[in-house]
Protein backbone atom coordinates (compact mmCIF):
# COMPACT_ATOMS: atom_id res chain seq x y z
CA MET A 1 0.00 0.00 0.00
CA LYS A 2 2.81 2.40 0.89
CA GLU A 3 4.49 1.78 -2.47
CA ARG A 4 1.23 2.48 -4.32
CA LEU A 5 0.57 5.70 -2.45
CA ARG A 6 4.11 6.77 -3.18
CA ALA A 7 3.59 6.06 -6.90
CA ILE A 8 0.38 8.12 -6.93
CA GLY A 9 2.01 10.98 -5.05
CA TRP A 10 5.04 11.22 -7.31
CA SER A 11 2.90 10.94 -10.45
CA LEU A 12 0.55 13.73 -9.38
CA LEU A 13 3.45 15.89 -8.31
CA PHE A 14 5.09 15.36 -11.68
CA LEU A 15 1.97 16.09 -13.74
CA LEU A 16 0.71 19.05 -11.74
CA GLY A 17 4.18 20.40 -11.07
CA GLY A 18 5.10 20.27 -14.74
CA TYR A 19 1.88 22.03 -15.73
CA SER A 20 2.34 24.74 -13.10
CA LEU A 21 5.99 25.27 -14.00
CA GLY A 22 5.01 25.46 -17.67
CA ILE A 23 2.49 28.22 -16.88
CA LEU A 24 5.19 30.16 -15.02
CA LEU A 25 7.58 29.79 -17.94
CA LEU A 26 4.91 30.97 -20.37
CA GLY A 27 4.32 34.01 -18.19
CA LEU A 28 8.04 34.75 -18.18
CA GLY A 29 8.19 34.23 -21.93
CA GLY A 30 5.32 36.66 -22.38
CA ARG A 31 7.45 39.35 -20.78
CA LEU A 32 10.61 38.60 -22.75
CA LEU A 33 9.35 37.48 -26.18
CA PRO A 34 7.23 39.22 -28.83
CA PRO A 35 3.54 38.42 -28.34
CA PRO A 36 2.41 35.58 -30.64
CA ALA A 37 -0.70 35.67 -32.80
CA PRO A 38 -3.49 33.47 -31.41
CA ASP A 39 -3.45 29.85 -32.69
CA SER A 40 -0.23 30.45 -34.62
CA LEU A 41 2.67 28.01 -34.98
CA TYR A 42 4.82 30.54 -33.13
CA GLU A 43 2.46 30.39 -30.16
CA ALA A 44 2.46 26.58 -30.33
CA SER A 45 6.28 26.58 -30.38
CA ILE A 46 6.46 28.74 -27.25
CA GLU A 47 4.01 26.46 -25.43
CA THR A 48 5.96 23.38 -26.52
CA GLY A 49 9.22 24.91 -25.31
CA ALA A 50 7.71 25.65 -21.91
CA LEU A 51 6.41 22.08 -21.58
CA LEU A 52 9.73 20.57 -22.63
CA LEU A 53 11.64 22.65 -20.13
CA SER A 54 9.23 22.00 -17.25
CA TYR A 55 8.71 18.27 -17.77
CA GLY A 56 12.33 17.75 -18.76
CA PHE A 57 13.44 19.35 -15.49
CA LEU A 58 11.00 17.26 -13.44
CA THR A 59 12.06 14.10 -15.27
CA TRP A 60 15.54 14.74 -13.93
CA LEU A 61 14.43 15.94 -10.49
CA ILE A 62 11.69 13.40 -9.74
CA GLY A 63 12.52 10.63 -12.18
CA ALA A 64 16.29 10.47 -11.85
CA ARG A 65 16.98 12.00 -8.46
CA ALA A 66 13.97 10.91 -6.40
CA LEU A 67 12.95 7.63 -8.08
CA GLY A 68 16.35 6.54 -9.37
CA LEU A 69 15.22 6.07 -12.96
CA HIS A 70 17.78 5.75 -15.73
CA ALA A 71 17.80 6.46 -19.46
CA ILE A 72 17.13 2.81 -20.23
CA ASP A 73 13.86 2.96 -18.25
CA PHE A 74 12.53 5.46 -20.78
CA GLY A 75 13.89 3.59 -23.79
CA PHE A 76 16.47 6.29 -24.46
CA THR A 77 19.19 3.65 -24.71
CA PRO A 78 20.39 1.79 -26.69
CA MET A 79 20.06 4.41 -29.41
CA ARG A 80 19.68 1.91 -32.26
CA ARG A 81 16.64 0.36 -30.62
CA GLY A 82 15.17 3.82 -30.08
CA ILE A 83 15.58 4.73 -33.76
CA ARG A 84 13.94 1.48 -34.87
CA GLY A 85 11.15 1.99 -32.36
CA PHE A 86 10.55 5.56 -33.54
CA GLY A 87 10.38 4.38 -37.15
CA TRP A 88 7.94 1.57 -36.33
CA GLY A 89 5.77 3.92 -34.28
CA ALA A 90 5.73 6.62 -36.96
CA LEU A 91 4.73 4.05 -39.59
CA VAL A 92 1.83 2.82 -37.44
CA GLY A 93 0.69 6.40 -36.77
CA VAL A 94 0.81 7.29 -40.47
CA VAL A 95 -1.06 4.17 -41.58
CA ILE A 96 -3.94 4.37 -39.09
CA ALA A 97 -4.36 8.15 -39.55
CA ALA A 98 -4.42 7.84 -43.33
CA ALA A 99 -6.86 4.94 -43.05
CA ALA A 100 -9.20 7.01 -40.87
CA MET A 101 -9.37 9.66 -43.62
CA LEU A 102 -9.49 7.30 -46.59
CA VAL A 103 -12.28 5.14 -45.19
CA ALA A 104 -14.33 8.30 -44.63
CA VAL A 105 -14.37 8.89 -48.41
CA PRO A 106 -16.76 6.03 -49.31
CA LEU A 107 -18.54 5.86 -45.95
CA GLY A 108 -18.91 9.54 -45.08
CA HIS A 109 -18.54 11.27 -48.49
CA ALA A 110 -15.31 12.95 -47.39
CA ALA A 111 -13.23 14.36 -50.22
CA TRP A 112 -10.03 16.17 -51.14
CA ARG A 113 -9.78 19.06 -53.55
CA GLU A 114 -7.10 21.51 -54.62
CA ASP A 115 -7.35 24.89 -52.94
CA GLY A 116 -4.42 26.80 -54.38
CA GLY A 117 -0.67 26.47 -54.01
CA THR A 118 1.60 23.80 -55.44
CA ALA A 119 2.83 20.38 -54.46
CA VAL A 120 6.24 21.90 -53.74
CA GLN A 121 4.71 24.39 -51.33
CA TRP A 122 2.76 21.56 -49.74
CA GLY A 123 5.96 19.54 -49.24
CA GLY A 124 7.73 22.48 -47.64
CA THR A 125 4.80 23.15 -45.31
CA VAL A 126 4.63 19.49 -44.30
CA LEU A 127 8.33 19.52 -43.46
CA PHE A 128 7.99 22.72 -41.42
CA THR A 129 4.94 21.32 -39.64
CA ALA A 130 6.88 18.16 -38.80
CA LEU A 131 9.64 20.25 -37.20
CA ILE A 132 7.00 21.93 -35.02
CA MET A 133 5.07 18.75 -34.20
CA LEU A 134 8.03 16.54 -33.27
CA PRO A 135 9.01 18.40 -30.07
CA ALA A 136 5.32 18.89 -29.25
CA ALA A 137 4.67 15.15 -29.50
CA PHE A 138 7.77 14.40 -27.44
CA ALA A 139 6.71 16.90 -24.76
CA GLU A 140 3.28 15.25 -24.38
CA GLU A 141 4.84 11.80 -24.28
CA LEU A 142 7.35 12.94 -21.68
CA ALA A 143 4.44 14.18 -19.56
CA PHE A 144 2.02 11.26 -19.89
CA ARG A 145 4.22 8.30 -20.85
CA GLY A 146 7.34 9.20 -18.89
CA VAL A 147 7.82 9.30 -15.14
CA PRO A 148 4.11 8.87 -14.21
CA LEU A 149 3.65 5.78 -16.37
CA ILE A 150 6.78 4.13 -15.02
CA ALA A 151 5.94 4.97 -11.41
CA LEU A 152 2.30 3.84 -11.62
CA ALA A 153 3.26 0.67 -13.53
CA ARG A 154 5.65 -0.27 -10.74
CA GLY A 155 2.99 0.34 -8.11
CA PHE A 156 -0.13 -1.03 -9.83
CA GLY A 157 0.97 -2.90 -12.94
CA ARG A 158 1.17 -1.78 -16.54
CA ALA A 159 -2.49 -2.13 -17.56
CA PRO A 160 -3.95 0.04 -14.75
CA ALA A 161 -1.20 2.62 -15.23
CA ILE A 162 -1.85 2.84 -18.97
CA ALA A 163 -5.62 3.13 -18.41
CA VAL A 164 -5.42 5.87 -15.76
CA LEU A 165 -3.00 8.03 -17.73
CA ALA A 166 -4.98 7.48 -20.94
CA VAL A 167 -8.06 8.93 -19.26
CA MET A 168 -6.03 11.88 -17.98
CA PHE A 169 -4.59 12.33 -21.47
CA GLY A 170 -8.13 12.53 -22.85
CA PHE A 171 -9.25 15.07 -20.26
CA ALA A 172 -6.20 17.20 -21.03
CA HIS A 173 -7.91 17.95 -24.37
CA LEU A 174 -11.22 18.99 -22.77
CA ASP A 175 -10.84 22.64 -23.81
CA ASN A 176 -10.05 21.92 -27.47
CA ASP A 177 -12.30 23.52 -30.05
CA HIS A 178 -15.29 21.44 -31.22
CA VAL A 179 -14.56 18.69 -28.70
CA THR A 180 -17.20 16.00 -28.11
CA VAL A 181 -17.55 13.05 -25.75
CA LEU A 182 -16.57 10.71 -28.59
CA ALA A 183 -13.52 12.82 -29.37
CA LEU A 184 -12.36 12.64 -25.74
CA ALA A 185 -12.95 8.88 -25.75
CA ASN A 186 -10.87 8.52 -28.92
CA ILE A 187 -8.03 10.56 -27.45
CA ALA A 188 -8.14 8.38 -24.34
CA LEU A 189 -8.03 5.31 -26.61
CA ALA A 190 -5.05 6.87 -28.36
CA GLY A 191 -3.51 7.22 -24.90
CA VAL A 192 -3.90 3.46 -24.46
CA LEU A 193 -2.14 2.92 -27.80
CA LEU A 194 0.69 5.27 -26.81
CA GLY A 195 1.03 3.62 -23.39
CA ILE A 196 1.34 0.15 -24.92
CA ALA A 197 3.80 1.53 -27.48
CA PHE A 198 5.91 2.86 -24.61
CA PHE A 199 6.34 -0.68 -23.31
CA THR A 200 7.60 -1.97 -26.65
CA PRO A 201 11.27 -1.65 -27.74
CA GLY A 202 12.19 2.01 -28.09
CA GLY A 203 10.06 3.18 -25.19
CA LEU A 204 9.44 6.91 -25.31
CA TRP A 205 10.85 7.12 -28.85
CA THR A 206 8.29 4.57 -30.05
CA SER A 207 5.31 6.32 -28.46
CA THR A 208 6.58 9.65 -29.80
CA GLY A 209 6.78 8.10 -33.29
CA VAL A 210 3.15 6.96 -33.12
CA HIS A 211 2.07 10.37 -31.80
CA LEU A 212 3.95 12.28 -34.49
CA GLY A 213 2.89 9.92 -37.28
CA TRP A 214 -0.79 10.34 -36.43
CA ASN A 215 -0.76 14.14 -35.96
CA LEU A 216 1.45 14.89 -38.95
CA THR A 217 -0.56 12.70 -41.32
CA LEU A 218 -3.80 14.45 -40.37
CA ALA A 219 -2.15 17.85 -40.84
CA ALA A 220 -0.43 16.87 -44.11
CA LEU A 221 -3.72 15.63 -45.55
CA ALA A 222 -5.42 18.90 -44.53
CA ALA A 223 -7.58 17.64 -41.66
CA PRO A 224 -7.93 19.37 -38.27
CA VAL A 225 -5.72 17.92 -35.53
CA SER A 226 -7.66 17.54 -32.27
CA GLY A 227 -9.92 20.42 -33.24
CA THR A 228 -7.18 22.69 -34.56
CA PRO A 229 -7.09 23.36 -38.32
CA LEU A 230 -3.58 23.94 -39.65
CA PRO A 231 -2.80 25.88 -42.83
CA MET A 232 -1.87 23.53 -45.68
CA PRO A 233 -1.39 24.71 -49.28
CA TRP A 234 -2.54 22.72 -52.31
CA LEU A 235 -4.94 20.38 -50.46
CA ASP A 236 -8.25 20.89 -48.75
CA TYR A 237 -10.15 18.08 -47.02
CA SER A 238 -13.91 18.03 -46.56
CA MET A 239 -14.81 15.82 -43.58
CA GLY A 240 -18.18 14.72 -44.90
CA GLY A 241 -20.62 13.32 -42.35
CA PRO A 242 -22.33 12.46 -40.20
CA ARG A 243 -20.15 13.99 -37.50
CA TRP A 244 -20.20 10.89 -35.27
CA LEU A 245 -18.75 8.89 -38.13
CA THR A 246 -16.11 11.18 -39.66
CA GLY A 247 -15.38 13.55 -36.77
CA GLY A 248 -16.71 16.80 -38.22
CA PRO A 249 -14.88 20.04 -37.34
CA PHE A 250 -12.85 18.34 -34.59
CA GLY A 251 -11.13 16.25 -37.26
CA PRO A 252 -11.01 12.48 -37.76
CA GLU A 253 -10.28 11.95 -34.05
CA GLY A 254 -13.90 12.85 -33.33
CA GLY A 255 -15.45 9.98 -35.33
CA VAL A 256 -16.13 6.27 -35.05
CA ILE A 257 -13.94 5.50 -38.07
CA ALA A 258 -10.96 6.82 -36.11
CA SER A 259 -12.01 4.73 -33.11
CA LEU A 260 -11.66 1.58 -35.19
CA CYS A 261 -8.36 2.72 -36.70
CA ILE A 262 -6.87 3.56 -33.29
CA LEU A 263 -8.07 0.19 -31.98
CA THR A 264 -6.22 -1.42 -34.89
CA GLY A 265 -3.11 0.43 -33.73
CA VAL A 266 -3.64 -0.93 -30.21
CA LEU A 267 -3.76 -4.48 -31.60
CA LEU A 268 -0.58 -3.89 -33.62
CA ALA A 269 1.23 -2.58 -30.55
CA LEU A 270 0.08 -5.55 -28.47
CA ARG A 271 1.27 -7.93 -31.19
CA ARG A 272 4.66 -6.22 -31.38
CA ARG A 273 5.05 -6.47 -27.59
CA LYS A 274 4.20 -10.18 -27.65
CA GLU A 275 6.60 -10.84 -30.54
CA VAL A 276 9.44 -9.15 -28.68
CA ALA A 277 8.60 -10.96 -25.44
CA ALA A 278 8.66 -14.29 -27.28
């Protein structure tokens, strides 16, 4: 019981402490940096930087100093395994995200059309978006699949730890634009996928790969990402309907098609974990 209470305490301290420290850093940044335009990539970059600094610091302070965790516990070493894990995770994220959009074409009358710009401009924007999304994905994984997941898994087992943090991951998106109950459920299900991915070879790199692959594919194919539309030249994506099926203005993550695709990702991650264990 004492070990479980300790795991809960450290996890809450990490999550709440990182959030609070991030708010303080954003306030400091607001005094030192030019004010960003609302919902701009510059604003997103500042928020990501604050999260990386706060949760990175607490990973060292709580994870390394207080709990005695090492780089190998997060999958940071060996590097070759991390690179392979990141690649596998990114591939899974890309495939299930693309499937969620493609299946919506015959079932929900979704469609792509050209909206100006060129394929070259599209490629450059995708690359720039990837550079913004990679640290953002890593920051969220560090927060929800780092120290808290390891601590809770040691106290309660992996499955309960994954489930609890997946629910918290879903609720962290409660204020997103156009959010629905189904969207929150899908994000929580994605949290399950990311938690299982963490416990496959590559650890945090693997879960970051899945996270990035999913988000970047939605953005590259001109769909909103968790309720946030991102500018993308050349392509425009019409979500079709009904909303419960395709996701509507929240993006594919708000629909049942995405639920099935994310569940497929969960099964792939479970299979990979079993293959490695065997």
